[in-house]
Amino acid sequence: MIARAMSLTGLKAAQTDGADASVAFTDAEEVSGYARSGVAAAIRAGVVTGKSGGRLEPKAFVTRAEVAAIVKRLLEKSNLI
């Protein structure tokens, strides 16, 4: 959903050499196949930063505070606030 919101705000992910940005996280293999490109784009854009211990925890529930932080970063990086 965040990757789609990035496209609505015009935020582009930083270009890389094609490497998947999520590989820096120890649990990157747990990201579902359909979500890999969106997760990688959100990480490259700096909107998603992961959790402590170098983990994404893609199967865990997300808290309201975590969503608020992600949305805030999205709006800031899109120059909307």
PDB file of N, CA and C in Angstrom:
ATOM      1  N   MET A   1       0.827  -1.190   0.000  1.00  0.00           N
ATOM      2  CA  MET A   1       0.000   0.000   0.000  1.00  0.00           C
ATOM      3  C   MET A   1       0.873   1.255   0.000  1.00  0.00           C
ATOM      4  N   ILE A   2       1.985   1.204   0.710  1.00  0.00           N
ATOM      5  CA  ILE A   2       2.874   2.369   0.761  1.00  0.00           C
ATOM      6  C   ILE A   2       3.506   2.626  -0.602  1.00  0.00           C
ATOM      7  N   ALA A   3       3.879   1.571  -1.312  1.00  0.00           N
ATOM      8  CA  ALA A   3       4.455   1.748  -2.653  1.00  0.00           C
ATOM      9  C   ALA A   3       3.434   2.406  -3.581  1.00  0.00           C
ATOM     10  N   ARG A   4       2.181   2.035  -3.456  1.00  0.00           N
ATOM     11  CA  ARG A   4       1.138   2.681  -4.273  1.00  0.00           C
ATOM     12  C   ARG A   4       0.960   4.131  -3.874  1.00  0.00           C
ATOM     13  N   ALA A   5       1.016   4.408  -2.576  1.00  0.00           N
ATOM     14  CA  ALA A   5       0.910   5.793  -2.103  1.00  0.00           C
ATOM     15  C   ALA A   5       2.096   6.612  -2.603  1.00  0.00           C
ATOM     16  N   MET A   6       3.267   5.990  -2.668  1.00  0.00           N
ATOM     17  CA  MET A   6       4.439   6.686  -3.204  1.00  0.00           C
ATOM     18  C   MET A   6       4.192   7.132  -4.634  1.00  0.00           C
ATOM     19  N   SER A   7       3.552   6.287  -5.428  1.00  0.00           N
ATOM     20  CA  SER A   7       3.292   6.668  -6.824  1.00  0.00           C
ATOM     21  C   SER A   7       2.269   7.798  -6.899  1.00  0.00           C
ATOM     22  N   LEU A   8       1.318   7.818  -5.965  1.00  0.00           N
ATOM     23  CA  LEU A   8       0.326   8.901  -5.947  1.00  0.00           C
ATOM     24  C   LEU A   8       0.947  10.237  -5.566  1.00  0.00           C
ATOM     25  N   THR A   9       1.933  10.197  -4.676  1.00  0.00           N
ATOM     26  CA  THR A   9       2.573  11.442  -4.248  1.00  0.00           C
ATOM     27  C   THR A   9       3.716  11.847  -5.164  1.00  0.00           C
ATOM     28  N   GLY A  10       4.085  10.964  -6.089  1.00  0.00           N
ATOM     29  CA  GLY A  10       5.176  11.263  -7.004  1.00  0.00           C
ATOM     30  C   GLY A  10       6.546  10.933  -6.439  1.00  0.00           C
ATOM     31  N   LEU A  11       6.609  10.268  -5.293  1.00  0.00           N
ATOM     32  CA  LEU A  11       7.887   9.911  -4.692  1.00  0.00           C
ATOM     33  C   LEU A  11       8.490   8.734  -5.436  1.00  0.00           C
ATOM     34  N   LYS A  12       9.694   8.899  -5.891  1.00  0.00           N
ATOM     35  CA  LYS A  12      10.398   7.840  -6.610  1.00  0.00           C
ATOM     36  C   LYS A  12      11.415   7.195  -5.676  1.00  0.00           C
ATOM     37  N   ALA A  13      11.553   5.900  -5.799  1.00  0.00           N
ATOM     38  CA  ALA A  13      12.576   5.190  -5.038  1.00  0.00           C
ATOM     39  C   ALA A  13      13.931   5.493  -5.649  1.00  0.00           C
ATOM     40  N   ALA A  14      14.942   5.553  -4.825  1.00  0.00           N
ATOM     41  CA  ALA A  14      16.304   5.770  -5.312  1.00  0.00           C
ATOM     42  C   ALA A  14      16.678   4.642  -6.253  1.00  0.00           C
ATOM     43  N   GLN A  15      17.348   4.976  -7.304  1.00  0.00           N
ATOM     44  CA  GLN A  15      17.774   3.967  -8.267  1.00  0.00           C
ATOM     45  C   GLN A  15      18.975   3.215  -7.715  1.00  0.00           C
ATOM     46  N   THR A  16      18.968   1.920  -7.901  1.00  0.00           N
ATOM     47  CA  THR A  16      20.098   1.095  -7.479  1.00  0.00           C
ATOM     48  C   THR A  16      20.572   0.301  -8.682  1.00  0.00           C
ATOM     49  N   ASP A  17      21.537  -0.516  -8.467  1.00  0.00           N
ATOM     50  CA  ASP A  17      22.070  -1.336  -9.555  1.00  0.00           C
ATOM     51  C   ASP A  17      21.200  -2.549  -9.837  1.00  0.00           C
ATOM     52  N   GLY A  18      19.960  -2.526  -9.364  1.00  0.00           N
ATOM     53  CA  GLY A  18      19.049  -3.635  -9.577  1.00  0.00           C
ATOM     54  C   GLY A  18      18.972  -4.567  -8.387  1.00  0.00           C
ATOM     55  N   ALA A  19      19.817  -4.354  -7.398  1.00  0.00           N
ATOM     56  CA  ALA A  19      19.802  -5.199  -6.202  1.00  0.00           C
ATOM     57  C   ALA A  19      18.553  -4.909  -5.386  1.00  0.00           C
ATOM     58  N   ASP A  20      18.048  -5.927  -4.761  1.00  0.00           N
ATOM     59  CA  ASP A  20      16.859  -5.801  -3.920  1.00  0.00           C
ATOM     60  C   ASP A  20      17.269  -5.149  -2.603  1.00  0.00           C
ATOM     61  N   ALA A  21      16.671  -3.995  -2.285  1.00  0.00           N
ATOM     62  CA  ALA A  21      17.029  -3.250  -1.083  1.00  0.00           C
ATOM     63  C   ALA A  21      16.708  -4.010   0.193  1.00  0.00           C
ATOM     64  N   SER A  22      15.768  -4.933   0.128  1.00  0.00           N
ATOM     65  CA  SER A  22      15.368  -5.635   1.345  1.00  0.00           C
ATOM     66  C   SER A  22      16.384  -6.678   1.794  1.00  0.00           C
ATOM     67  N   VAL A  23      17.362  -7.016   0.953  1.00  0.00           N
ATOM     68  CA  VAL A  23      18.325  -8.048   1.330  1.00  0.00           C
ATOM     69  C   VAL A  23      19.186  -7.632   2.511  1.00  0.00           C
ATOM     70  N   ALA A  24      19.212  -6.361   2.835  1.00  0.00           N
ATOM     71  CA  ALA A  24      19.968  -5.899   3.992  1.00  0.00           C
ATOM     72  C   ALA A  24      19.320  -6.353   5.299  1.00  0.00           C
ATOM     73  N   PHE A  25      18.119  -6.853   5.244  1.00  0.00           N
ATOM     74  CA  PHE A  25      17.400  -7.292   6.434  1.00  0.00           C
ATOM     75  C   PHE A  25      17.509  -8.804   6.581  1.00  0.00           C
ATOM     76  N   THR A  26      17.675  -9.246   7.822  1.00  0.00           N
ATOM     77  CA  THR A  26      17.919 -10.669   8.075  1.00  0.00           C
ATOM     78  C   THR A  26      16.738 -11.561   7.736  1.00  0.00           C
ATOM     79  N   ASP A  27      15.541 -10.995   7.708  1.00  0.00           N
ATOM     80  CA  ASP A  27      14.350 -11.805   7.425  1.00  0.00           C
ATOM     81  C   ASP A  27      13.705 -11.442   6.086  1.00  0.00           C
ATOM     82  N   ALA A  28      14.489 -10.929   5.165  1.00  0.00           N
ATOM     83  CA  ALA A  28      13.978 -10.487   3.862  1.00  0.00           C
ATOM     84  C   ALA A  28      13.290 -11.607   3.097  1.00  0.00           C
ATOM     85  N   GLU A  29      13.721 -12.837   3.289  1.00  0.00           N
ATOM     86  CA  GLU A  29      13.114 -13.960   2.567  1.00  0.00           C
ATOM     87  C   GLU A  29      11.675 -14.215   2.990  1.00  0.00           C
ATOM     88  N   GLU A  30      11.243 -13.634   4.104  1.00  0.00           N
ATOM     89  CA  GLU A  30       9.870 -13.810   4.573  1.00  0.00           C
ATOM     90  C   GLU A  30       8.881 -12.884   3.871  1.00  0.00           C
ATOM     91  N   VAL A  31       9.361 -11.916   3.109  1.00  0.00           N
ATOM     92  CA  VAL A  31       8.472 -11.014   2.369  1.00  0.00           C
ATOM     93  C   VAL A  31       7.815 -11.820   1.257  1.00  0.00           C
ATOM     94  N   SER A  32       6.494 -11.743   1.165  1.00  0.00           N
ATOM     95  CA  SER A  32       5.762 -12.471   0.133  1.00  0.00           C
ATOM     96  C   SER A  32       6.194 -12.007  -1.252  1.00  0.00           C
ATOM     97  N   GLY A  33       6.173 -12.924  -2.201  1.00  0.00           N
ATOM     98  CA  GLY A  33       6.614 -12.632  -3.555  1.00  0.00           C
ATOM     99  C   GLY A  33       5.920 -11.448  -4.187  1.00  0.00           C
ATOM    100  N   TYR A  34       4.597 -11.347  -3.990  1.00  0.00           N
ATOM    101  CA  TYR A  34       3.844 -10.251  -4.607  1.00  0.00           C
ATOM    102  C   TYR A  34       4.235  -8.890  -4.044  1.00  0.00           C
ATOM    103  N   ALA A  35       4.810  -8.867  -2.834  1.00  0.00           N
ATOM    104  CA  ALA A  35       5.109  -7.603  -2.167  1.00  0.00           C
ATOM    105  C   ALA A  35       6.566  -7.182  -2.282  1.00  0.00           C
ATOM    106  N   ARG A  36       7.412  -8.034  -2.816  1.00  0.00           N
ATOM    107  CA  ARG A  36       8.860  -7.759  -2.824  1.00  0.00           C
ATOM    108  C   ARG A  36       9.232  -6.451  -3.508  1.00  0.00           C
ATOM    109  N   SER A  37       8.688  -6.183  -4.668  1.00  0.00           N
ATOM    110  CA  SER A  37       9.072  -4.952  -5.380  1.00  0.00           C
ATOM    111  C   SER A  37       8.592  -3.712  -4.635  1.00  0.00           C
ATOM    112  N   GLY A  38       7.389  -3.760  -4.078  1.00  0.00           N
ATOM    113  CA  GLY A  38       6.876  -2.624  -3.320  1.00  0.00           C
ATOM    114  C   GLY A  38       7.657  -2.378  -2.046  1.00  0.00           C
ATOM    115  N   VAL A  39       8.012  -3.444  -1.352  1.00  0.00           N
ATOM    116  CA  VAL A  39       8.805  -3.327  -0.126  1.00  0.00           C
ATOM    117  C   VAL A  39      10.179  -2.757  -0.463  1.00  0.00           C
ATOM    118  N   ALA A  40      10.795  -3.268  -1.513  1.00  0.00           N
ATOM    119  CA  ALA A  40      12.116  -2.775  -1.913  1.00  0.00           C
ATOM    120  C   ALA A  40      12.062  -1.294  -2.282  1.00  0.00           C
ATOM    121  N   ALA A  41      11.025  -0.882  -2.990  1.00  0.00           N
ATOM    122  CA  ALA A  41      10.885   0.534  -3.373  1.00  0.00           C
ATOM    123  C   ALA A  41      10.719   1.416  -2.147  1.00  0.00           C
ATOM    124  N   ALA A  42       9.913   0.978  -1.182  1.00  0.00           N
ATOM    125  CA  ALA A  42       9.686   1.757   0.035  1.00  0.00           C
ATOM    126  C   ALA A  42      10.966   1.855   0.863  1.00  0.00           C
ATOM    127  N   ILE A  43      11.771   0.805   0.867  1.00  0.00           N
ATOM    128  CA  ILE A  43      13.044   0.830   1.586  1.00  0.00           C
ATOM    129  C   ILE A  43      14.011   1.778   0.895  1.00  0.00           C
ATOM    130  N   ARG A  44      14.129   1.664  -0.440  1.00  0.00           N
ATOM    131  CA  ARG A  44      15.045   2.542  -1.189  1.00  0.00           C
ATOM    132  C   ARG A  44      14.674   4.006  -1.027  1.00  0.00           C
ATOM    133  N   ALA A  45      13.377   4.292  -0.932  1.00  0.00           N
ATOM    134  CA  ALA A  45      12.916   5.676  -0.777  1.00  0.00           C
ATOM    135  C   ALA A  45      13.111   6.186   0.645  1.00  0.00           C
ATOM    136  N   GLY A  46      13.410   5.277   1.578  1.00  0.00           N
ATOM    137  CA  GLY A  46      13.598   5.680   2.970  1.00  0.00           C
ATOM    138  C   GLY A  46      12.311   5.797   3.749  1.00  0.00           C
ATOM    139  N   VAL A  47      11.223   5.295   3.184  1.00  0.00           N
ATOM    140  CA  VAL A  47       9.926   5.361   3.857  1.00  0.00           C
ATOM    141  C   VAL A  47       9.789   4.230   4.873  1.00  0.00           C
ATOM    142  N   VAL A  48      10.283   3.060   4.528  1.00  0.00           N
ATOM    143  CA  VAL A  48      10.289   1.913   5.429  1.00  0.00           C
ATOM    144  C   VAL A  48      11.723   1.683   5.871  1.00  0.00           C
ATOM    145  N   THR A  49      11.923   1.621   7.190  1.00  0.00           N
ATOM    146  CA  THR A  49      13.278   1.479   7.723  1.00  0.00           C
ATOM    147  C   THR A  49      13.492   0.176   8.467  1.00  0.00           C
ATOM    148  N   GLY A  50      12.458  -0.609   8.653  1.00  0.00           N
ATOM    149  CA  GLY A  50      12.602  -1.866   9.367  1.00  0.00           C
ATOM    150  C   GLY A  50      12.541  -1.680  10.864  1.00  0.00           C
ATOM    151  N   LYS A  51      12.759  -2.778  11.556  1.00  0.00           N
ATOM    152  CA  LYS A  51      12.698  -2.771  13.018  1.00  0.00           C
ATOM    153  C   LYS A  51      14.079  -3.033  13.578  1.00  0.00           C
ATOM    154  N   SER A  52      14.185  -3.029  14.885  1.00  0.00           N
ATOM    155  CA  SER A  52      15.481  -3.248  15.520  1.00  0.00           C
ATOM    156  C   SER A  52      16.019  -4.627  15.182  1.00  0.00           C
ATOM    157  N   GLY A  53      17.308  -4.757  15.249  1.00  0.00           N
ATOM    158  CA  GLY A  53      17.944  -6.031  14.948  1.00  0.00           C
ATOM    159  C   GLY A  53      18.046  -6.327  13.471  1.00  0.00           C
ATOM    160  N   GLY A  54      17.857  -5.311  12.618  1.00  0.00           N
ATOM    161  CA  GLY A  54      17.978  -5.521  11.180  1.00  0.00           C
ATOM    162  C   GLY A  54      16.890  -6.405  10.600  1.00  0.00           C
ATOM    163  N   ARG A  55      15.686  -6.275  11.134  1.00  0.00           N
ATOM    164  CA  ARG A  55      14.577  -7.123  10.699  1.00  0.00           C
ATOM    165  C   ARG A  55      13.453  -6.265  10.111  1.00  0.00           C
ATOM    166  N   LEU A  56      12.714  -6.866   9.181  1.00  0.00           N
ATOM    167  CA  LEU A  56      11.503  -6.250   8.634  1.00  0.00           C
ATOM    168  C   LEU A  56      10.256  -6.759   9.353  1.00  0.00           C
ATOM    169  N   GLU A  57      10.282  -8.011   9.745  1.00  0.00           N
ATOM    170  CA  GLU A  57       9.141  -8.694  10.356  1.00  0.00           C
ATOM    171  C   GLU A  57       7.880  -8.537   9.501  1.00  0.00           C
ATOM    172  N   PRO A  58       7.931  -8.994   8.242  1.00  0.00           N
ATOM    173  CA  PRO A  58       6.816  -8.784   7.318  1.00  0.00           C
ATOM    174  C   PRO A  58       5.537  -9.542   7.674  1.00  0.00           C
ATOM    175  N   LYS A  59       5.630 -10.537   8.502  1.00  0.00           N
ATOM    176  CA  LYS A  59       4.439 -11.309   8.872  1.00  0.00           C
ATOM    177  C   LYS A  59       3.821 -10.820  10.181  1.00  0.00           C
ATOM    178  N   ALA A  60       4.464  -9.864  10.857  1.00  0.00           N
ATOM    179  CA  ALA A  60       3.984  -9.358  12.144  1.00  0.00           C
ATOM    180  C   ALA A  60       2.910  -8.285  11.934  1.00  0.00           C
ATOM    181  N   PHE A  61       2.093  -8.098  12.947  1.00  0.00           N
ATOM    182  CA  PHE A  61       1.136  -7.004  12.916  1.00  0.00           C
ATOM    183  C   PHE A  61       1.894  -5.695  13.045  1.00  0.00           C
ATOM    184  N   VAL A  62       1.374  -4.657  12.413  1.00  0.00           N
ATOM    185  CA  VAL A  62       1.978  -3.329  12.494  1.00  0.00           C
ATOM    186  C   VAL A  62       1.138  -2.483  13.448  1.00  0.00           C
ATOM    187  N   THR A  63       1.796  -1.693  14.288  1.00  0.00           N
ATOM    188  CA  THR A  63       1.073  -0.862  15.248  1.00  0.00           C
ATOM    189  C   THR A  63       0.655   0.453  14.603  1.00  0.00           C
ATOM    190  N   ARG A  64      -0.264   1.140  15.247  1.00  0.00           N
ATOM    191  CA  ARG A  64      -0.672   2.457  14.750  1.00  0.00           C
ATOM    192  C   ARG A  64       0.505   3.423  14.747  1.00  0.00           C
ATOM    193  N   ALA A  65       1.361   3.318  15.754  1.00  0.00           N
ATOM    194  CA  ALA A  65       2.529   4.194  15.833  1.00  0.00           C
ATOM    195  C   ALA A  65       3.478   3.944  14.665  1.00  0.00           C
ATOM    196  N   GLU A  66       3.669   2.678  14.290  1.00  0.00           N
ATOM    197  CA  GLU A  66       4.537   2.352  13.160  1.00  0.00           C
ATOM    198  C   GLU A  66       3.946   2.880  11.858  1.00  0.00           C
ATOM    199  N   VAL A  67       2.641   2.738  11.684  1.00  0.00           N
ATOM    200  CA  VAL A  67       1.984   3.264  10.478  1.00  0.00           C
ATOM    201  C   VAL A  67       2.113   4.777  10.436  1.00  0.00           C
ATOM    202  N   ALA A  68       1.914   5.425  11.576  1.00  0.00           N
ATOM    203  CA  ALA A  68       2.022   6.886  11.628  1.00  0.00           C
ATOM    204  C   ALA A  68       3.431   7.331  11.225  1.00  0.00           C
ATOM    205  N   ALA A  69       4.448   6.626  11.692  1.00  0.00           N
ATOM    206  CA  ALA A  69       5.829   6.976  11.353  1.00  0.00           C
ATOM    207  C   ALA A  69       6.092   6.782   9.863  1.00  0.00           C
ATOM    208  N   ILE A  70       5.578   5.704   9.291  1.00  0.00           N
ATOM    209  CA  ILE A  70       5.762   5.441   7.863  1.00  0.00           C
ATOM    210  C   ILE A  70       5.051   6.503   7.025  1.00  0.00           C
ATOM    211  N   VAL A  71       3.824   6.829   7.381  1.00  0.00           N
ATOM    212  CA  VAL A  71       3.068   7.843   6.637  1.00  0.00           C
ATOM    213  C   VAL A  71       3.744   9.205   6.761  1.00  0.00           C
ATOM    214  N   LYS A  72       4.245   9.522   7.950  1.00  0.00           N
ATOM    215  CA  LYS A  72       4.945  10.797   8.142  1.00  0.00           C
ATOM    216  C   LYS A  72       6.180  10.875   7.248  1.00  0.00           C
ATOM    217  N   ARG A  73       6.972   9.797   7.214  1.00  0.00           N
ATOM    218  CA  ARG A  73       8.153   9.791   6.343  1.00  0.00           C
ATOM    219  C   ARG A  73       7.750   9.918   4.878  1.00  0.00           C
ATOM    220  N   LEU A  74       6.662   9.245   4.484  1.00  0.00           N
ATOM    221  CA  LEU A  74       6.185   9.343   3.108  1.00  0.00           C
ATOM    222  C   LEU A  74       5.822  10.787   2.761  1.00  0.00           C
ATOM    223  N   LEU A  75       5.088  11.442   3.634  1.00  0.00           N
ATOM    224  CA  LEU A  75       4.676  12.821   3.377  1.00  0.00           C
ATOM    225  C   LEU A  75       5.876  13.776   3.369  1.00  0.00           C
ATOM    226  N   GLU A  76       6.819  13.568   4.293  1.00  0.00           N
ATOM    227  CA  GLU A  76       8.000  14.417   4.334  1.00  0.00           C
ATOM    228  C   GLU A  76       8.849  14.248   3.077  1.00  0.00           C
ATOM    229  N   LYS A  77       9.107  13.017   2.692  1.00  0.00           N
ATOM    230  CA  LYS A  77       9.956  12.763   1.528  1.00  0.00           C
ATOM    231  C   LYS A  77       9.278  13.158   0.222  1.00  0.00           C
ATOM    232  N   SER A  78       7.941  13.273   0.257  1.00  0.00           N
ATOM    233  CA  SER A  78       7.188  13.719  -0.913  1.00  0.00           C
ATOM    234  C   SER A  78       7.002  15.235  -0.904  1.00  0.00           C
ATOM    235  N   ASN A  79       7.581  15.902   0.098  1.00  0.00           N
ATOM    236  CA  ASN A  79       7.463  17.354   0.261  1.00  0.00           C
ATOM    237  C   ASN A  79       6.024  17.817   0.379  1.00  0.00           C
ATOM    238  N   LEU A  80       5.214  17.023   1.084  1.00  0.00           N
ATOM    239  CA  LEU A  80       3.814  17.388   1.294  1.00  0.00           C
ATOM    240  C   LEU A  80       3.567  17.961   2.686  1.00  0.00           C
ATOM    241  N   ILE A  81       4.560  17.848   3.552  1.00  0.00           N
ATOM    242  CA  ILE A  81       4.495  18.519   4.864  1.00  0.00           C
ATOM    243  C   ILE A  81       5.857  19.089   5.182  1.00  0.00           C
TER     244      ILE A  81
END
